[in-house]
Amino acid sequence: MLFGPLDFTVDSGAALYVLGPNGCGKSTLLRSLAGLSEPIAAEVYWRGERARLNSVHWRSQVAYLGHKLGHKEELSVEENLELASALEGARSSASQCTAVMERVGLERRRKLAVKRLSQGQKQRLALARLCRSQRRLWLLDEPSAALDTNAKRVLTEILSEHLRSGGVAIVATHDLIDLAGARSANLQLA
């Protein structure tokens, strides 16, 4: 067992930072909450009701950004954004895609295959996917990894907007993100 029993609440419009040294279970916790790993025992309540972590309904509420970004390497930046929107059941217009790519600094690389991007650019594409996400719970595992100063600012803006709209975020990180007054709390894993 990586960590013992946990009990925490994250209110609408708030973020929970999961902190701790490498190997303490931060990623495991997020993967379990995303329904990607089976926890030994868990009771998770979402909006007052018990959530089944492996259900389609639960997964439709969650946007998960992990170490493996899930991009389709052969597709272009633009095609990856369109695919991500389609998988969420949303349609995105060309102008919406362009605006998101401009925001994260990938507009000039829109037709470039993802396999040709740097790691920081791939992380920016993950931020673009978050911008388009309508899911209320964001589980973010080291979202600032490989990002330069400007991209970290964009991450902060995107996360702050999500929280202001009533979203919830659980963020495993070594690099706390200043959310400019948004409610946040820390959960320390040993």
C-alpha atoms as a PDB file:
ATOM      1  CA  MET A   1       0.000   0.000   0.000  1.00  0.00           C
ATOM      2  CA  LEU A   2       1.443   3.360  -1.023  1.00  0.00           C
ATOM      3  CA  PHE A   3      -0.659   5.400   1.377  1.00  0.00           C
ATOM      4  CA  GLY A   4      -3.130   4.829   4.160  1.00  0.00           C
ATOM      5  CA  PRO A   5      -6.751   5.860   4.354  1.00  0.00           C
ATOM      6  CA  LEU A   6      -7.492   9.318   2.974  1.00  0.00           C
ATOM      7  CA  ASP A   7     -10.456  11.539   3.702  1.00  0.00           C
ATOM      8  CA  PHE A   8     -10.809  14.847   1.909  1.00  0.00           C
ATOM      9  CA  THR A   9     -13.428  17.123   0.415  1.00  0.00           C
ATOM     10  CA  VAL A  10     -12.977  19.499  -2.477  1.00  0.00           C
ATOM     11  CA  ASP A  11     -15.754  22.022  -2.952  1.00  0.00           C
ATOM     12  CA  SER A  12     -16.983  23.348  -6.260  1.00  0.00           C
ATOM     13  CA  GLY A  13     -14.663  26.117  -7.467  1.00  0.00           C
ATOM     14  CA  ALA A  14     -11.693  24.805  -5.477  1.00  0.00           C
ATOM     15  CA  ALA A  15      -8.443  22.965  -6.083  1.00  0.00           C
ATOM     16  CA  LEU A  16      -6.720  20.343  -3.963  1.00  0.00           C
ATOM     17  CA  TYR A  17      -2.960  20.045  -4.312  1.00  0.00           C
ATOM     18  CA  VAL A  18      -1.589  16.574  -3.651  1.00  0.00           C
ATOM     19  CA  LEU A  19       1.986  16.956  -2.448  1.00  0.00           C
ATOM     20  CA  GLY A  20       4.744  14.564  -1.491  1.00  0.00           C
ATOM     21  CA  PRO A  21       8.022  13.037  -2.606  1.00  0.00           C
ATOM     22  CA  ASN A  22       8.414  10.906  -5.709  1.00  0.00           C
ATOM     23  CA  GLY A  23       6.944   7.445  -5.283  1.00  0.00           C
ATOM     24  CA  CYS A  24       4.544   8.277  -2.441  1.00  0.00           C
ATOM     25  CA  GLY A  25       1.401   7.559  -4.484  1.00  0.00           C
ATOM     26  CA  LYS A  26       0.297  10.906  -5.953  1.00  0.00           C
ATOM     27  CA  SER A  27      -0.089   9.516  -9.473  1.00  0.00           C
ATOM     28  CA  THR A  28      -1.667   6.319  -8.149  1.00  0.00           C
ATOM     29  CA  LEU A  29      -4.275   8.365  -6.293  1.00  0.00           C
ATOM     30  CA  LEU A  30      -5.168  10.332  -9.429  1.00  0.00           C
ATOM     31  CA  ARG A  31      -5.237   7.211 -11.628  1.00  0.00           C
ATOM     32  CA  SER A  32      -7.536   5.536  -9.096  1.00  0.00           C
ATOM     33  CA  LEU A  33      -9.858   8.548  -9.027  1.00  0.00           C
ATOM     34  CA  ALA A  34      -9.891   8.586 -12.835  1.00  0.00           C
ATOM     35  CA  GLY A  35     -10.973   4.930 -12.861  1.00  0.00           C
ATOM     36  CA  LEU A  36      -7.728   3.825 -14.514  1.00  0.00           C
ATOM     37  CA  SER A  37      -6.365   1.831 -11.562  1.00  0.00           C
ATOM     38  CA  GLU A  38      -8.398  -0.267  -9.183  1.00  0.00           C
ATOM     39  CA  PRO A  39      -8.075   0.968  -5.586  1.00  0.00           C
ATOM     40  CA  ILE A  40      -8.080  -1.640  -2.829  1.00  0.00           C
ATOM     41  CA  ALA A  41     -10.999   0.103  -1.172  1.00  0.00           C
ATOM     42  CA  ALA A  42     -12.562   3.423  -1.995  1.00  0.00           C
ATOM     43  CA  GLU A  43     -15.674   5.430  -1.419  1.00  0.00           C
ATOM     44  CA  VAL A  44     -15.843   8.513  -3.572  1.00  0.00           C
ATOM     45  CA  TYR A  45     -18.774  10.882  -3.475  1.00  0.00           C
ATOM     46  CA  TRP A  46     -19.399  13.333  -6.299  1.00  0.00           C
ATOM     47  CA  ARG A  47     -22.107  15.949  -5.886  1.00  0.00           C
ATOM     48  CA  GLY A  48     -23.493  14.105  -2.884  1.00  0.00           C
ATOM     49  CA  GLU A  49     -23.812  10.701  -4.532  1.00  0.00           C
ATOM     50  CA  ARG A  50     -21.495   7.723  -4.378  1.00  0.00           C
ATOM     51  CA  ALA A  51     -19.471   7.456  -7.600  1.00  0.00           C
ATOM     52  CA  ARG A  52     -18.552   4.191  -9.294  1.00  0.00           C
ATOM     53  CA  LEU A  53     -15.016   4.906 -10.459  1.00  0.00           C
ATOM     54  CA  ASN A  54     -15.134   2.457 -13.368  1.00  0.00           C
ATOM     55  CA  SER A  55     -18.468   3.660 -14.767  1.00  0.00           C
ATOM     56  CA  VAL A  56     -19.095   5.521 -17.995  1.00  0.00           C
ATOM     57  CA  HIS A  57     -21.005   8.185 -16.047  1.00  0.00           C
ATOM     58  CA  TRP A  58     -18.042   8.831 -13.748  1.00  0.00           C
ATOM     59  CA  ARG A  59     -15.576   9.007 -16.627  1.00  0.00           C
ATOM     60  CA  SER A  60     -17.832  11.506 -18.390  1.00  0.00           C
ATOM     61  CA  GLN A  61     -17.296  13.857 -15.442  1.00  0.00           C
ATOM     62  CA  VAL A  62     -13.493  13.574 -15.348  1.00  0.00           C
ATOM     63  CA  ALA A  63     -10.709  15.101 -17.430  1.00  0.00           C
ATOM     64  CA  TYR A  64      -7.442  13.311 -16.639  1.00  0.00           C
ATOM     65  CA  LEU A  65      -4.053  14.664 -17.632  1.00  0.00           C
ATOM     66  CA  GLY A  66      -1.328  12.190 -16.715  1.00  0.00           C
ATOM     67  CA  HIS A  67       2.292  11.530 -17.606  1.00  0.00           C
ATOM     68  CA  LYS A  68       1.255   9.874 -20.863  1.00  0.00           C
ATOM     69  CA  LEU A  69      -0.611  12.639 -22.624  1.00  0.00           C
ATOM     70  CA  GLY A  70      -2.701  10.427 -24.881  1.00  0.00           C
ATOM     71  CA  HIS A  71      -2.068  12.328 -28.102  1.00  0.00           C
ATOM     72  CA  LYS A  72      -2.234  10.513 -31.418  1.00  0.00           C
ATOM     73  CA  GLU A  73       1.355  10.975 -32.632  1.00  0.00           C
ATOM     74  CA  GLU A  74       0.578  10.603 -36.354  1.00  0.00           C
ATOM     75  CA  LEU A  75      -2.201  13.206 -36.279  1.00  0.00           C
ATOM     76  CA  SER A  76      -1.625  16.949 -36.434  1.00  0.00           C
ATOM     77  CA  VAL A  77      -2.126  19.335 -33.527  1.00  0.00           C
ATOM     78  CA  GLU A  78      -5.419  20.442 -35.056  1.00  0.00           C
ATOM     79  CA  GLU A  79      -6.614  16.875 -35.678  1.00  0.00           C
ATOM     80  CA  ASN A  80      -5.805  15.925 -32.069  1.00  0.00           C
ATOM     81  CA  LEU A  81      -7.924  18.838 -30.802  1.00  0.00           C
ATOM     82  CA  GLU A  82     -10.808  17.872 -33.071  1.00  0.00           C
ATOM     83  CA  LEU A  83     -10.567  14.254 -31.923  1.00  0.00           C
ATOM     84  CA  ALA A  84     -10.504  15.253 -28.241  1.00  0.00           C
ATOM     85  CA  SER A  85     -13.620  17.392 -28.715  1.00  0.00           C
ATOM     86  CA  ALA A  86     -15.406  14.602 -30.564  1.00  0.00           C
ATOM     87  CA  LEU A  87     -14.569  12.100 -27.812  1.00  0.00           C
ATOM     88  CA  GLU A  88     -16.206  14.458 -25.308  1.00  0.00           C
ATOM     89  CA  GLY A  89     -19.266  14.661 -27.526  1.00  0.00           C
ATOM     90  CA  ALA A  90     -18.625  18.287 -28.473  1.00  0.00           C
ATOM     91  CA  ARG A  91     -18.193  19.904 -31.839  1.00  0.00           C
ATOM     92  CA  SER A  92     -15.519  22.498 -32.286  1.00  0.00           C
ATOM     93  CA  SER A  93     -15.533  25.074 -35.030  1.00  0.00           C
ATOM     94  CA  ALA A  94     -12.377  26.015 -36.908  1.00  0.00           C
ATOM     95  CA  SER A  95     -12.385  29.413 -35.184  1.00  0.00           C
ATOM     96  CA  GLN A  96     -12.620  27.791 -31.728  1.00  0.00           C
ATOM     97  CA  CYS A  97      -9.709  25.459 -32.546  1.00  0.00           C
ATOM     98  CA  THR A  98      -7.668  28.379 -33.858  1.00  0.00           C
ATOM     99  CA  ALA A  99      -8.356  30.456 -30.742  1.00  0.00           C
ATOM    100  CA  VAL A 100      -7.286  27.616 -28.429  1.00  0.00           C
ATOM    101  CA  MET A 101      -4.133  26.925 -30.442  1.00  0.00           C
ATOM    102  CA  GLU A 102      -3.244  30.633 -30.354  1.00  0.00           C
ATOM    103  CA  ARG A 103      -3.829  30.734 -26.612  1.00  0.00           C
ATOM    104  CA  VAL A 104      -1.391  27.892 -25.930  1.00  0.00           C
ATOM    105  CA  GLY A 105       1.157  28.998 -28.539  1.00  0.00           C
ATOM    106  CA  LEU A 106       0.626  26.222 -31.101  1.00  0.00           C
ATOM    107  CA  GLU A 107      -1.182  28.092 -33.918  1.00  0.00           C
ATOM    108  CA  ARG A 108       1.858  28.032 -36.205  1.00  0.00           C
ATOM    109  CA  ARG A 109       2.202  24.279 -35.621  1.00  0.00           C
ATOM    110  CA  ARG A 110      -1.451  23.404 -36.227  1.00  0.00           C
ATOM    111  CA  LYS A 111      -0.714  21.148 -39.241  1.00  0.00           C
ATOM    112  CA  LEU A 112       2.405  19.565 -37.726  1.00  0.00           C
ATOM    113  CA  ALA A 113       2.235  15.911 -36.654  1.00  0.00           C
ATOM    114  CA  VAL A 114       2.417  15.614 -32.876  1.00  0.00           C
ATOM    115  CA  LYS A 115       5.402  13.255 -33.134  1.00  0.00           C
ATOM    116  CA  ARG A 116       7.434  16.249 -34.369  1.00  0.00           C
ATOM    117  CA  LEU A 117       6.645  18.438 -31.357  1.00  0.00           C
ATOM    118  CA  SER A 118       8.946  19.006 -28.400  1.00  0.00           C
ATOM    119  CA  GLN A 119       7.825  17.685 -25.008  1.00  0.00           C
ATOM    120  CA  GLY A 120       6.847  21.205 -23.930  1.00  0.00           C
ATOM    121  CA  GLN A 121       4.750  21.632 -27.072  1.00  0.00           C
ATOM    122  CA  LYS A 122       3.039  18.308 -26.426  1.00  0.00           C
ATOM    123  CA  GLN A 123       2.238  19.528 -22.913  1.00  0.00           C
ATOM    124  CA  ARG A 124       0.829  22.736 -24.455  1.00  0.00           C
ATOM    125  CA  LEU A 125      -1.424  20.570 -26.634  1.00  0.00           C
ATOM    126  CA  ALA A 126      -2.667  18.880 -23.460  1.00  0.00           C
ATOM    127  CA  LEU A 127      -3.480  22.357 -22.104  1.00  0.00           C
ATOM    128  CA  ALA A 128      -5.398  23.107 -25.307  1.00  0.00           C
ATOM    129  CA  ARG A 129      -7.439  19.952 -24.743  1.00  0.00           C
ATOM    130  CA  LEU A 130      -8.209  21.129 -21.194  1.00  0.00           C
ATOM    131  CA  CYS A 131      -9.344  24.495 -22.560  1.00  0.00           C
ATOM    132  CA  ARG A 132     -11.925  22.673 -24.658  1.00  0.00           C
ATOM    133  CA  SER A 133     -12.994  20.262 -21.915  1.00  0.00           C
ATOM    134  CA  GLN A 134     -16.482  20.612 -20.460  1.00  0.00           C
ATOM    135  CA  ARG A 135     -15.777  18.123 -17.679  1.00  0.00           C
ATOM    136  CA  ARG A 136     -16.228  19.405 -14.130  1.00  0.00           C
ATOM    137  CA  LEU A 137     -13.495  17.423 -12.365  1.00  0.00           C
ATOM    138  CA  TRP A 138      -9.930  17.836 -13.568  1.00  0.00           C
ATOM    139  CA  LEU A 139      -7.297  15.376 -12.331  1.00  0.00           C
ATOM    140  CA  LEU A 140      -3.915  16.828 -13.255  1.00  0.00           C
ATOM    141  CA  ASP A 141      -0.654  14.962 -12.685  1.00  0.00           C
ATOM    142  CA  GLU A 142       2.321  17.350 -12.831  1.00  0.00           C
ATOM    143  CA  PRO A 143       0.583  19.634 -15.355  1.00  0.00           C
ATOM    144  CA  SER A 144       3.478  22.137 -15.430  1.00  0.00           C
ATOM    145  CA  ALA A 145       6.078  19.501 -16.401  1.00  0.00           C
ATOM    146  CA  ALA A 146       8.177  20.606 -19.412  1.00  0.00           C
ATOM    147  CA  LEU A 147       6.389  23.967 -19.638  1.00  0.00           C
ATOM    148  CA  ASP A 148       8.251  27.238 -20.083  1.00  0.00           C
ATOM    149  CA  THR A 149       7.326  30.402 -18.166  1.00  0.00           C
ATOM    150  CA  ASN A 150       4.714  31.584 -20.678  1.00  0.00           C
ATOM    151  CA  ALA A 151       3.027  28.191 -20.855  1.00  0.00           C
ATOM    152  CA  LYS A 152       2.934  28.006 -17.033  1.00  0.00           C
ATOM    153  CA  ARG A 153       1.109  31.354 -17.059  1.00  0.00           C
ATOM    154  CA  VAL A 154      -1.427  29.915 -19.540  1.00  0.00           C
ATOM    155  CA  LEU A 155      -1.860  26.832 -17.317  1.00  0.00           C
ATOM    156  CA  THR A 156      -2.579  29.123 -14.362  1.00  0.00           C
ATOM    157  CA  GLU A 157      -5.158  31.065 -16.382  1.00  0.00           C
ATOM    158  CA  ILE A 158      -6.882  27.925 -17.671  1.00  0.00           C
ATOM    159  CA  LEU A 159      -7.042  26.354 -14.222  1.00  0.00           C
ATOM    160  CA  SER A 160      -8.272  29.577 -12.598  1.00  0.00           C
ATOM    161  CA  GLU A 161     -11.032  29.931 -15.229  1.00  0.00           C
ATOM    162  CA  HIS A 162     -12.096  26.335 -14.657  1.00  0.00           C
ATOM    163  CA  LEU A 163     -12.394  26.954 -10.920  1.00  0.00           C
ATOM    164  CA  ARG A 164     -14.229  30.268 -11.363  1.00  0.00           C
ATOM    165  CA  SER A 165     -16.801  28.435 -13.505  1.00  0.00           C
ATOM    166  CA  GLY A 166     -17.481  26.048 -10.606  1.00  0.00           C
ATOM    167  CA  GLY A 167     -15.127  23.299 -11.682  1.00  0.00           C
ATOM    168  CA  VAL A 168     -13.002  21.195  -9.326  1.00  0.00           C
ATOM    169  CA  ALA A 169      -9.334  20.263  -9.701  1.00  0.00           C
ATOM    170  CA  ILE A 170      -7.113  17.762  -7.933  1.00  0.00           C
ATOM    171  CA  VAL A 171      -3.504  18.488  -8.853  1.00  0.00           C
ATOM    172  CA  ALA A 172      -0.525  16.265  -8.019  1.00  0.00           C
ATOM    173  CA  THR A 173       2.509  18.498  -8.208  1.00  0.00           C
ATOM    174  CA  HIS A 174       5.899  19.534  -6.929  1.00  0.00           C
ATOM    175  CA  ASP A 175       5.336  22.983  -8.426  1.00  0.00           C
ATOM    176  CA  LEU A 176       2.409  24.791  -6.751  1.00  0.00           C
ATOM    177  CA  ILE A 177       0.359  26.933  -9.121  1.00  0.00           C
ATOM    178  CA  ASP A 178      -0.662  30.395  -7.897  1.00  0.00           C
ATOM    179  CA  LEU A 179      -4.401  30.533  -8.476  1.00  0.00           C
ATOM    180  CA  ALA A 180      -4.790  34.237  -7.660  1.00  0.00           C
ATOM    181  CA  GLY A 181      -7.247  33.946  -4.811  1.00  0.00           C
ATOM    182  CA  ALA A 182      -9.042  30.754  -5.879  1.00  0.00           C
ATOM    183  CA  ARG A 183      -9.732  28.395  -2.998  1.00  0.00           C
ATOM    184  CA  SER A 184      -7.177  25.650  -2.593  1.00  0.00           C
ATOM    185  CA  ALA A 185      -5.967  23.188   0.005  1.00  0.00           C
ATOM    186  CA  ASN A 186      -3.035  20.810   0.302  1.00  0.00           C
ATOM    187  CA  LEU A 187      -3.065  17.067   0.872  1.00  0.00           C
ATOM    188  CA  GLN A 188       0.347  15.784   1.942  1.00  0.00           C
ATOM    189  CA  LEU A 189       1.219  12.159   1.190  1.00  0.00           C
ATOM    190  CA  ALA A 190       4.181  10.772   3.115  1.00  0.00           C
END
